Amino acid sequence: MTAHHLSVEGLGLTAGARHLVREVSLTAESGEVIGLVGPNGSGKSSLLRAVYRVLRPDAGSVRVDGDDVWSLPVRRLARTMAVVVQEPGADFDLTVREVVAMGRTPHKRLLDGDNAEDARLIESSLASVDAAELADRPFDRLSGGERQRVLIARALAQQPSLLVLDEPTNHLDVRHQLDVLGVLRRLPATVLVALHDLNLAAYYCDRLYVLRDGEVAASGPPHEVLTERLLSEVYGVAGEVIVHPRTGAPHVTFLPGDVPMVAGGA
């Protein structure tokens, strides 16, 4: 697994007369974890769909190591990029192990079966998201959080050099949120991940892109991006941002509307 460089340049997406994404540019250097944050409807999922080739841009480009993703053969793209979406779309009448084994498909010829290396990768991917004990259970009988972990394991078994995830911590309890993001942080891959939780984004991401109304409102390292002014201007809420004394990362505390702000916020 070798990490790839991702470049999005001047990306535009429309739905009828509505702009979903407008002139968005971002980069993810080899091995970086890049976070997309922003309010609901800000364009995060639309942008990711253009990256993983579901929505064709009206303008701009998405490139992996200089190659336009829309020109890459499907098999080559599947060997390069793995995707975890918010909603899997359909139940699988398969065991968990069989679902994770689907991640090995891009690396096989048509009639190839699983070999010992495939089996090792499947088991290690399940173990990395604390789902080894689910291997023989029917996928369609799992809880939402269990399914999410299995789908992340499937993406890991694919051994991508670029991993794109849309809210991967949805449905997960706190422990598994930390476990999954820790796995992503340690991967020898480039990661582009949309997150709602700003504190998780601040701790696990190298850089953040903040979207608002389909445009980039701010970008940079978490300590530069996450300010009290940004919380007010982008999210429309009051909050405090401190450097956490244990983690060293920015830590956001949102304040209810009836709590007065102290003068001097960033």
C-alpha atoms as a PDB file:
ATOM      1  CA  MET A   1       0.000   0.000   0.000  1.00  0.00           C
ATOM      2  CA  THR A   2       1.559   3.291  -1.138  1.00  0.00           C
ATOM      3  CA  ALA A   3      -0.185   6.579  -0.360  1.00  0.00           C
ATOM      4  CA  HIS A   4      -1.243   8.758  -3.288  1.00  0.00           C
ATOM      5  CA  HIS A   5      -1.603  12.498  -3.776  1.00  0.00           C
ATOM      6  CA  LEU A   6      -5.140  13.837  -4.231  1.00  0.00           C
ATOM      7  CA  SER A   7      -5.841  17.155  -5.943  1.00  0.00           C
ATOM      8  CA  VAL A   8      -9.241  18.803  -6.375  1.00  0.00           C
ATOM      9  CA  GLU A   9      -9.108  21.956  -8.486  1.00  0.00           C
ATOM     10  CA  GLY A  10     -11.902  24.473  -9.049  1.00  0.00           C
ATOM     11  CA  LEU A  11     -14.604  21.848  -8.561  1.00  0.00           C
ATOM     12  CA  GLY A  12     -18.175  22.840  -9.359  1.00  0.00           C
ATOM     13  CA  LEU A  13     -21.342  20.744  -8.962  1.00  0.00           C
ATOM     14  CA  THR A  14     -24.905  21.828  -9.666  1.00  0.00           C
ATOM     15  CA  ALA A  15     -28.361  20.326  -9.315  1.00  0.00           C
ATOM     16  CA  GLY A  16     -30.617  22.269 -11.630  1.00  0.00           C
ATOM     17  CA  ALA A  17     -30.139  25.931 -10.749  1.00  0.00           C
ATOM     18  CA  ARG A  18     -28.671  25.102  -7.348  1.00  0.00           C
ATOM     19  CA  HIS A  19     -24.935  25.113  -6.713  1.00  0.00           C
ATOM     20  CA  LEU A  20     -23.965  22.144  -4.527  1.00  0.00           C
ATOM     21  CA  VAL A  21     -20.242  22.901  -4.687  1.00  0.00           C
ATOM     22  CA  ARG A  22     -18.672  26.056  -6.097  1.00  0.00           C
ATOM     23  CA  GLU A  23     -14.994  26.418  -7.098  1.00  0.00           C
ATOM     24  CA  VAL A  24     -13.667  24.132  -4.371  1.00  0.00           C
ATOM     25  CA  SER A  25      -9.970  23.297  -4.409  1.00  0.00           C
ATOM     26  CA  LEU A  26      -8.150  21.072  -1.958  1.00  0.00           C
ATOM     27  CA  THR A  27      -5.098  18.874  -1.767  1.00  0.00           C
ATOM     28  CA  ALA A  28      -4.208  15.810   0.247  1.00  0.00           C
ATOM     29  CA  GLU A  29      -0.534  15.048   0.264  1.00  0.00           C
ATOM     30  CA  SER A  30       0.684  11.467   0.351  1.00  0.00           C
ATOM     31  CA  GLY A  31      -0.100   9.983   3.764  1.00  0.00           C
ATOM     32  CA  GLU A  32      -2.114  12.933   5.094  1.00  0.00           C
ATOM     33  CA  VAL A  33      -5.458  12.672   6.873  1.00  0.00           C
ATOM     34  CA  ILE A  34      -7.601  15.522   5.556  1.00  0.00           C
ATOM     35  CA  GLY A  35     -10.868  16.394   7.291  1.00  0.00           C
ATOM     36  CA  LEU A  36     -13.945  17.933   5.679  1.00  0.00           C
ATOM     37  CA  VAL A  37     -16.125  19.719   8.205  1.00  0.00           C
ATOM     38  CA  GLY A  38     -19.072  22.071   7.989  1.00  0.00           C
ATOM     39  CA  PRO A  39     -22.788  22.323   8.753  1.00  0.00           C
ATOM     40  CA  ASN A  40     -25.391  20.047   7.208  1.00  0.00           C
ATOM     41  CA  GLY A  41     -25.949  20.973   3.578  1.00  0.00           C
ATOM     42  CA  SER A  42     -22.556  22.626   3.225  1.00  0.00           C
ATOM     43  CA  GLY A  43     -21.509  20.324   0.356  1.00  0.00           C
ATOM     44  CA  LYS A  44     -19.311  17.753   2.082  1.00  0.00           C
ATOM     45  CA  SER A  45     -21.050  14.653   0.753  1.00  0.00           C
ATOM     46  CA  SER A  46     -21.457  16.157  -2.731  1.00  0.00           C
ATOM     47  CA  LEU A  47     -17.758  16.931  -2.881  1.00  0.00           C
ATOM     48  CA  LEU A  48     -16.873  13.393  -1.811  1.00  0.00           C
ATOM     49  CA  ARG A  49     -19.213  11.921  -4.441  1.00  0.00           C
ATOM     50  CA  ALA A  50     -17.282  13.807  -7.092  1.00  0.00           C
ATOM     51  CA  VAL A  51     -14.017  12.449  -5.695  1.00  0.00           C
ATOM     52  CA  TYR A  52     -15.203   8.830  -5.754  1.00  0.00           C
ATOM     53  CA  ARG A  53     -16.829   9.262  -9.149  1.00  0.00           C
ATOM     54  CA  VAL A  54     -20.555   9.222  -8.482  1.00  0.00           C
ATOM     55  CA  LEU A  55     -21.307  12.861  -9.349  1.00  0.00           C
ATOM     56  CA  ARG A  56     -19.575  14.194 -12.439  1.00  0.00           C
ATOM     57  CA  PRO A  57     -18.345  17.764 -11.891  1.00  0.00           C
ATOM     58  CA  ASP A  58     -19.689  20.593 -14.012  1.00  0.00           C
ATOM     59  CA  ALA A  59     -16.339  22.323 -13.653  1.00  0.00           C
ATOM     60  CA  GLY A  60     -12.877  21.592 -12.372  1.00  0.00           C
ATOM     61  CA  SER A  61     -11.105  18.286 -11.861  1.00  0.00           C
ATOM     62  CA  VAL A  62     -10.271  15.528  -9.400  1.00  0.00           C
ATOM     63  CA  ARG A  63      -6.825  13.997  -9.839  1.00  0.00           C
ATOM     64  CA  VAL A  64      -4.931  11.196  -8.128  1.00  0.00           C
ATOM     65  CA  ASP A  65      -1.199  11.446  -8.729  1.00  0.00           C
ATOM     66  CA  GLY A  66      -1.994  13.696 -11.676  1.00  0.00           C
ATOM     67  CA  ASP A  67      -4.494  11.336 -13.332  1.00  0.00           C
ATOM     68  CA  ASP A  68      -8.092  12.499 -13.747  1.00  0.00           C
ATOM     69  CA  VAL A  69     -10.231  10.007 -11.809  1.00  0.00           C
ATOM     70  CA  TRP A  70     -12.945  10.205 -14.458  1.00  0.00           C
ATOM     71  CA  SER A  71     -10.528   8.878 -17.082  1.00  0.00           C
ATOM     72  CA  LEU A  72      -9.189   5.961 -15.037  1.00  0.00           C
ATOM     73  CA  PRO A  73     -10.362   2.407 -15.814  1.00  0.00           C
ATOM     74  CA  VAL A  74     -12.792   1.171 -13.153  1.00  0.00           C
ATOM     75  CA  ARG A  75     -10.535  -1.677 -12.055  1.00  0.00           C
ATOM     76  CA  ARG A  76      -7.506   0.571 -11.652  1.00  0.00           C
ATOM     77  CA  LEU A  77      -9.527   3.086  -9.655  1.00  0.00           C
ATOM     78  CA  ALA A  78     -10.838   0.305  -7.389  1.00  0.00           C
ATOM     79  CA  ARG A  79      -7.278  -0.816  -6.720  1.00  0.00           C
ATOM     80  CA  THR A  80      -6.362   2.749  -5.764  1.00  0.00           C
ATOM     81  CA  MET A  81      -9.390   4.128  -3.923  1.00  0.00           C
ATOM     82  CA  ALA A  82     -11.720   2.630  -1.308  1.00  0.00           C
ATOM     83  CA  VAL A  83     -14.910   4.364  -0.195  1.00  0.00           C
ATOM     84  CA  VAL A  84     -17.110   4.216   2.892  1.00  0.00           C
ATOM     85  CA  VAL A  85     -20.417   6.048   2.448  1.00  0.00           C
ATOM     86  CA  GLN A  86     -22.963   7.136   5.063  1.00  0.00           C
ATOM     87  CA  GLU A  87     -25.686   4.767   3.877  1.00  0.00           C
ATOM     88  CA  PRO A  88     -24.634   1.434   2.297  1.00  0.00           C
ATOM     89  CA  GLY A  89     -27.858   1.401   0.237  1.00  0.00           C
ATOM     90  CA  ALA A  90     -28.703  -2.300   0.380  1.00  0.00           C
ATOM     91  CA  ASP A  91     -28.590  -5.272   2.703  1.00  0.00           C
ATOM     92  CA  PHE A  92     -26.223  -8.069   1.803  1.00  0.00           C
ATOM     93  CA  ASP A  93     -27.454 -11.653   2.122  1.00  0.00           C
ATOM     94  CA  LEU A  94     -23.917 -12.606   3.128  1.00  0.00           C
ATOM     95  CA  THR A  95     -21.918 -13.280   6.227  1.00  0.00           C
ATOM     96  CA  VAL A  96     -19.697 -10.546   7.598  1.00  0.00           C
ATOM     97  CA  ARG A  97     -16.594 -12.377   6.390  1.00  0.00           C
ATOM     98  CA  GLU A  98     -18.047 -12.570   2.869  1.00  0.00           C
ATOM     99  CA  VAL A  99     -18.829  -8.837   2.876  1.00  0.00           C
ATOM    100  CA  VAL A 100     -15.276  -7.964   3.922  1.00  0.00           C
ATOM    101  CA  ALA A 101     -13.924 -10.388   1.293  1.00  0.00           C
ATOM    102  CA  MET A 102     -15.588  -8.183  -1.349  1.00  0.00           C
ATOM    103  CA  GLY A 103     -12.775  -5.718  -0.683  1.00  0.00           C
ATOM    104  CA  ARG A 104     -10.336  -8.156  -2.280  1.00  0.00           C
ATOM    105  CA  THR A 105     -12.256  -8.296  -5.598  1.00  0.00           C
ATOM    106  CA  PRO A 106     -10.299  -5.512  -7.399  1.00  0.00           C
ATOM    107  CA  HIS A 107      -7.097  -7.489  -6.881  1.00  0.00           C
ATOM    108  CA  LYS A 108      -8.382 -10.717  -8.484  1.00  0.00           C
ATOM    109  CA  ARG A 109      -9.114 -12.099 -11.887  1.00  0.00           C
ATOM    110  CA  LEU A 110     -12.664 -13.199 -12.678  1.00  0.00           C
ATOM    111  CA  LEU A 111     -12.567 -16.780 -11.368  1.00  0.00           C
ATOM    112  CA  ASP A 112      -9.920 -16.408  -8.667  1.00  0.00           C
ATOM    113  CA  GLY A 113     -10.856 -17.644  -5.210  1.00  0.00           C
ATOM    114  CA  ASP A 114      -9.544 -16.383  -1.889  1.00  0.00           C
ATOM    115  CA  ASN A 115      -6.033 -17.480  -0.988  1.00  0.00           C
ATOM    116  CA  ALA A 116      -4.166 -17.500   2.311  1.00  0.00           C
ATOM    117  CA  GLU A 117      -3.099 -13.867   1.929  1.00  0.00           C
ATOM    118  CA  ASP A 118      -6.701 -12.802   1.281  1.00  0.00           C
ATOM    119  CA  ALA A 119      -7.817 -14.674   4.389  1.00  0.00           C
ATOM    120  CA  ARG A 120      -5.118 -12.984   6.456  1.00  0.00           C
ATOM    121  CA  LEU A 121      -6.114  -9.525   5.222  1.00  0.00           C
ATOM    122  CA  ILE A 122      -9.805 -10.196   5.861  1.00  0.00           C
ATOM    123  CA  GLU A 123      -9.166 -11.349   9.418  1.00  0.00           C
ATOM    124  CA  SER A 124      -6.754  -8.505  10.197  1.00  0.00           C
ATOM    125  CA  SER A 125      -9.181  -5.917   8.779  1.00  0.00           C
ATOM    126  CA  LEU A 126     -11.984  -7.250  10.963  1.00  0.00           C
ATOM    127  CA  ALA A 127      -9.732  -7.281  14.005  1.00  0.00           C
ATOM    128  CA  SER A 128      -8.607  -3.693  13.404  1.00  0.00           C
ATOM    129  CA  VAL A 129     -12.187  -2.431  13.842  1.00  0.00           C
ATOM    130  CA  ASP A 130     -12.976  -4.815  16.717  1.00  0.00           C
ATOM    131  CA  ALA A 131     -15.298  -6.931  14.575  1.00  0.00           C
ATOM    132  CA  ALA A 132     -13.531 -10.304  14.492  1.00  0.00           C
ATOM    133  CA  GLU A 133     -16.263 -11.900  16.588  1.00  0.00           C
ATOM    134  CA  LEU A 134     -18.853 -10.883  13.960  1.00  0.00           C
ATOM    135  CA  ALA A 135     -17.199 -12.798  11.102  1.00  0.00           C
ATOM    136  CA  ASP A 136     -19.743 -15.619  10.819  1.00  0.00           C
ATOM    137  CA  ARG A 137     -22.860 -13.567  11.535  1.00  0.00           C
ATOM    138  CA  PRO A 138     -25.297 -12.507   8.763  1.00  0.00           C
ATOM    139  CA  PHE A 139     -24.550  -8.939   7.755  1.00  0.00           C
ATOM    140  CA  ASP A 140     -28.228  -8.031   7.475  1.00  0.00           C
ATOM    141  CA  ARG A 141     -28.806  -8.856  11.155  1.00  0.00           C
ATOM    142  CA  LEU A 142     -26.199  -6.479  12.507  1.00  0.00           C
ATOM    143  CA  SER A 143     -26.854  -3.213  14.290  1.00  0.00           C
ATOM    144  CA  GLY A 144     -26.081   0.057  12.529  1.00  0.00           C
ATOM    145  CA  GLY A 145     -22.792   0.470  14.367  1.00  0.00           C
ATOM    146  CA  GLU A 146     -21.730  -3.107  13.668  1.00  0.00           C
ATOM    147  CA  ARG A 147     -22.492  -2.689   9.973  1.00  0.00           C
ATOM    148  CA  GLN A 148     -20.449   0.487   9.838  1.00  0.00           C
ATOM    149  CA  ARG A 149     -17.435  -1.251  11.324  1.00  0.00           C
ATOM    150  CA  VAL A 150     -17.759  -4.122   8.853  1.00  0.00           C
ATOM    151  CA  LEU A 151     -17.944  -1.743   5.883  1.00  0.00           C
ATOM    152  CA  ILE A 152     -14.826   0.034   7.127  1.00  0.00           C
ATOM    153  CA  ALA A 153     -13.144  -3.384   7.422  1.00  0.00           C
ATOM    154  CA  ARG A 154     -14.126  -4.102   3.805  1.00  0.00           C
ATOM    155  CA  ALA A 155     -12.446  -0.857   2.730  1.00  0.00           C
ATOM    156  CA  LEU A 156      -9.314  -1.754   4.699  1.00  0.00           C
ATOM    157  CA  ALA A 157      -9.189  -5.214   3.106  1.00  0.00           C
ATOM    158  CA  GLN A 158      -9.138  -3.463  -0.265  1.00  0.00           C
ATOM    159  CA  GLN A 159      -5.715  -2.074   0.712  1.00  0.00           C
ATOM    160  CA  PRO A 160      -6.314   1.328  -0.891  1.00  0.00           C
ATOM    161  CA  SER A 161      -3.700   3.990  -1.276  1.00  0.00           C
ATOM    162  CA  LEU A 162      -6.513   6.574  -1.055  1.00  0.00           C
ATOM    163  CA  LEU A 163      -9.408   6.134   1.370  1.00  0.00           C
ATOM    164  CA  VAL A 164     -12.507   8.350   1.162  1.00  0.00           C
ATOM    165  CA  LEU A 165     -15.017   8.227   4.013  1.00  0.00           C
ATOM    166  CA  ASP A 166     -18.281  10.082   4.554  1.00  0.00           C
ATOM    167  CA  GLU A 167     -19.069  10.336   8.269  1.00  0.00           C
ATOM    168  CA  PRO A 168     -17.489   6.978   9.192  1.00  0.00           C
ATOM    169  CA  THR A 169     -18.173   7.511  12.899  1.00  0.00           C
ATOM    170  CA  ASN A 170     -21.951   7.672  12.399  1.00  0.00           C
ATOM    171  CA  HIS A 171     -23.704   4.985  14.476  1.00  0.00           C
ATOM    172  CA  LEU A 172     -20.510   4.206  16.416  1.00  0.00           C
ATOM    173  CA  ASP A 173     -20.189   4.468  20.174  1.00  0.00           C
ATOM    174  CA  VAL A 174     -17.389   6.587  21.602  1.00  0.00           C
ATOM    175  CA  ARG A 175     -14.903   3.746  21.988  1.00  0.00           C
ATOM    176  CA  HIS A 176     -15.321   2.575  18.398  1.00  0.00           C
ATOM    177  CA  GLN A 177     -15.175   6.143  17.073  1.00  0.00           C
ATOM    178  CA  LEU A 178     -11.740   6.481  18.635  1.00  0.00           C
ATOM    179  CA  ASP A 179     -10.672   3.007  17.503  1.00  0.00           C
ATOM    180  CA  VAL A 180     -11.691   3.573  13.875  1.00  0.00           C
ATOM    181  CA  LEU A 181     -10.132   7.010  13.587  1.00  0.00           C
ATOM    182  CA  GLY A 182      -6.986   5.693  15.222  1.00  0.00           C
ATOM    183  CA  VAL A 183      -6.792   2.997  12.535  1.00  0.00           C
ATOM    184  CA  LEU A 184      -7.199   5.624   9.794  1.00  0.00           C
ATOM    185  CA  ARG A 185      -4.501   7.755  11.408  1.00  0.00           C
ATOM    186  CA  ARG A 186      -2.031   4.847  11.283  1.00  0.00           C
ATOM    187  CA  LEU A 187      -2.733   3.695   7.721  1.00  0.00           C
ATOM    188  CA  PRO A 188      -0.004   4.023   5.094  1.00  0.00           C
ATOM    189  CA  ALA A 189      -2.595   5.727   2.896  1.00  0.00           C
ATOM    190  CA  THR A 190      -3.970   9.153   2.085  1.00  0.00           C
ATOM    191  CA  VAL A 191      -7.318   9.727   3.819  1.00  0.00           C
ATOM    192  CA  LEU A 192     -10.105  12.197   3.000  1.00  0.00           C
ATOM    193  CA  VAL A 193     -12.826  12.046   5.644  1.00  0.00           C
ATOM    194  CA  ALA A 194     -15.972  14.064   6.335  1.00  0.00           C
ATOM    195  CA  LEU A 195     -16.671  14.463  10.049  1.00  0.00           C
ATOM    196  CA  HIS A 196     -19.304  16.250  12.114  1.00  0.00           C
ATOM    197  CA  ASP A 197     -17.416  16.106  15.406  1.00  0.00           C
ATOM    198  CA  LEU A 198     -14.951  18.991  15.405  1.00  0.00           C
ATOM    199  CA  ASN A 199     -12.986  17.634  18.340  1.00  0.00           C
ATOM    200  CA  LEU A 200     -12.378  14.313  16.603  1.00  0.00           C
ATOM    201  CA  ALA A 201     -11.415  16.205  13.441  1.00  0.00           C
ATOM    202  CA  ALA A 202      -9.026  18.407  15.401  1.00  0.00           C
ATOM    203  CA  TYR A 203      -7.242  15.466  16.999  1.00  0.00           C
ATOM    204  CA  TYR A 204      -7.019  13.010  14.107  1.00  0.00           C
ATOM    205  CA  CYS A 205      -6.678  15.220  11.008  1.00  0.00           C
ATOM    206  CA  ASP A 206      -3.525  16.893   9.707  1.00  0.00           C
ATOM    207  CA  ARG A 207      -5.489  19.638   7.974  1.00  0.00           C
ATOM    208  CA  LEU A 208      -9.127  20.699   7.753  1.00  0.00           C
ATOM    209  CA  TYR A 209     -11.263  22.179   5.000  1.00  0.00           C
ATOM    210  CA  VAL A 210     -14.370  23.941   6.306  1.00  0.00           C
ATOM    211  CA  LEU A 211     -17.261  24.091   3.838  1.00  0.00           C
ATOM    212  CA  ARG A 212     -20.119  26.572   3.977  1.00  0.00           C
ATOM    213  CA  ASP A 213     -22.798  26.795   1.285  1.00  0.00           C
ATOM    214  CA  GLY A 214     -20.663  24.720  -1.083  1.00  0.00           C
ATOM    215  CA  GLU A 215     -17.544  26.864  -0.761  1.00  0.00           C
ATOM    216  CA  VAL A 216     -14.343  26.608   1.271  1.00  0.00           C
ATOM    217  CA  ALA A 217     -14.720  28.990   4.204  1.00  0.00           C
ATOM    218  CA  ALA A 218     -11.375  28.139   5.810  1.00  0.00           C
ATOM    219  CA  SER A 219      -8.567  25.629   5.475  1.00  0.00           C
ATOM    220  CA  GLY A 220      -5.368  24.741   7.260  1.00  0.00           C
ATOM    221  CA  PRO A 221      -4.114  22.937  10.357  1.00  0.00           C
ATOM    222  CA  PRO A 222      -6.806  22.479  13.035  1.00  0.00           C
ATOM    223  CA  HIS A 223      -5.234  24.988  15.416  1.00  0.00           C
ATOM    224  CA  GLU A 224      -5.441  27.681  12.728  1.00  0.00           C
ATOM    225  CA  VAL A 225      -8.910  26.820  11.450  1.00  0.00           C
ATOM    226  CA  LEU A 226     -10.923  26.154  14.594  1.00  0.00           C
ATOM    227  CA  THR A 227     -11.563  29.555  16.129  1.00  0.00           C
ATOM    228  CA  GLU A 228     -14.458  31.037  18.045  1.00  0.00           C
ATOM    229  CA  ARG A 229     -15.084  33.412  15.147  1.00  0.00           C
ATOM    230  CA  LEU A 230     -15.371  30.493  12.727  1.00  0.00           C
ATOM    231  CA  LEU A 231     -17.867  28.729  15.023  1.00  0.00           C
ATOM    232  CA  SER A 232     -19.986  31.868  14.984  1.00  0.00           C
ATOM    233  CA  GLU A 233     -19.692  32.685  11.278  1.00  0.00           C
ATOM    234  CA  VAL A 234     -19.957  29.153   9.833  1.00  0.00           C
ATOM    235  CA  TYR A 235     -21.995  27.233  12.397  1.00  0.00           C
ATOM    236  CA  GLY A 236     -23.977  30.150  13.822  1.00  0.00           C
ATOM    237  CA  VAL A 237     -23.235  29.200  17.423  1.00  0.00           C
ATOM    238  CA  ALA A 238     -21.146  30.520  20.282  1.00  0.00           C
ATOM    239  CA  GLY A 239     -18.277  28.421  21.516  1.00  0.00           C
ATOM    240  CA  GLU A 240     -14.918  28.372  23.216  1.00  0.00           C
ATOM    241  CA  VAL A 241     -11.740  26.918  21.714  1.00  0.00           C
ATOM    242  CA  ILE A 242      -8.823  25.983  23.941  1.00  0.00           C
ATOM    243  CA  VAL A 243      -5.721  23.850  23.549  1.00  0.00           C
ATOM    244  CA  HIS A 244      -6.494  20.659  25.422  1.00  0.00           C
ATOM    245  CA  PRO A 245      -3.869  20.182  28.141  1.00  0.00           C
ATOM    246  CA  ARG A 246      -3.583  16.411  27.540  1.00  0.00           C
ATOM    247  CA  THR A 247      -3.859  16.070  23.765  1.00  0.00           C
ATOM    248  CA  GLY A 248      -2.370  19.384  22.667  1.00  0.00           C
ATOM    249  CA  ALA A 249      -5.138  19.651  20.033  1.00  0.00           C
ATOM    250  CA  PRO A 250      -7.773  22.379  19.803  1.00  0.00           C
ATOM    251  CA  HIS A 251     -10.828  21.513  21.872  1.00  0.00           C
ATOM    252  CA  VAL A 252     -14.226  23.048  21.071  1.00  0.00           C
ATOM    253  CA  THR A 253     -16.954  23.607  23.649  1.00  0.00           C
ATOM    254  CA  PHE A 254     -20.265  24.820  22.263  1.00  0.00           C
ATOM    255  CA  LEU A 255     -22.226  27.222  24.452  1.00  0.00           C
ATOM    256  CA  PRO A 256     -26.024  27.352  24.744  1.00  0.00           C
ATOM    257  CA  GLY A 257     -27.557  30.588  23.519  1.00  0.00           C
ATOM    258  CA  ASP A 258     -28.380  31.787  27.027  1.00  0.00           C
ATOM    259  CA  VAL A 259     -24.750  31.584  28.224  1.00  0.00           C
ATOM    260  CA  PRO A 260     -23.036  34.993  27.885  1.00  0.00           C
ATOM    261  CA  MET A 261     -19.756  35.133  25.990  1.00  0.00           C
ATOM    262  CA  VAL A 262     -16.659  36.514  27.683  1.00  0.00           C
ATOM    263  CA  ALA A 263     -14.993  39.329  25.754  1.00  0.00           C
ATOM    264  CA  GLY A 264     -11.737  38.597  23.955  1.00  0.00           C
ATOM    265  CA  GLY A 265     -12.654  35.505  21.873  1.00  0.00           C
ATOM    266  CA  ALA A 266     -10.563  34.718  18.807  1.00  0.00           C
END
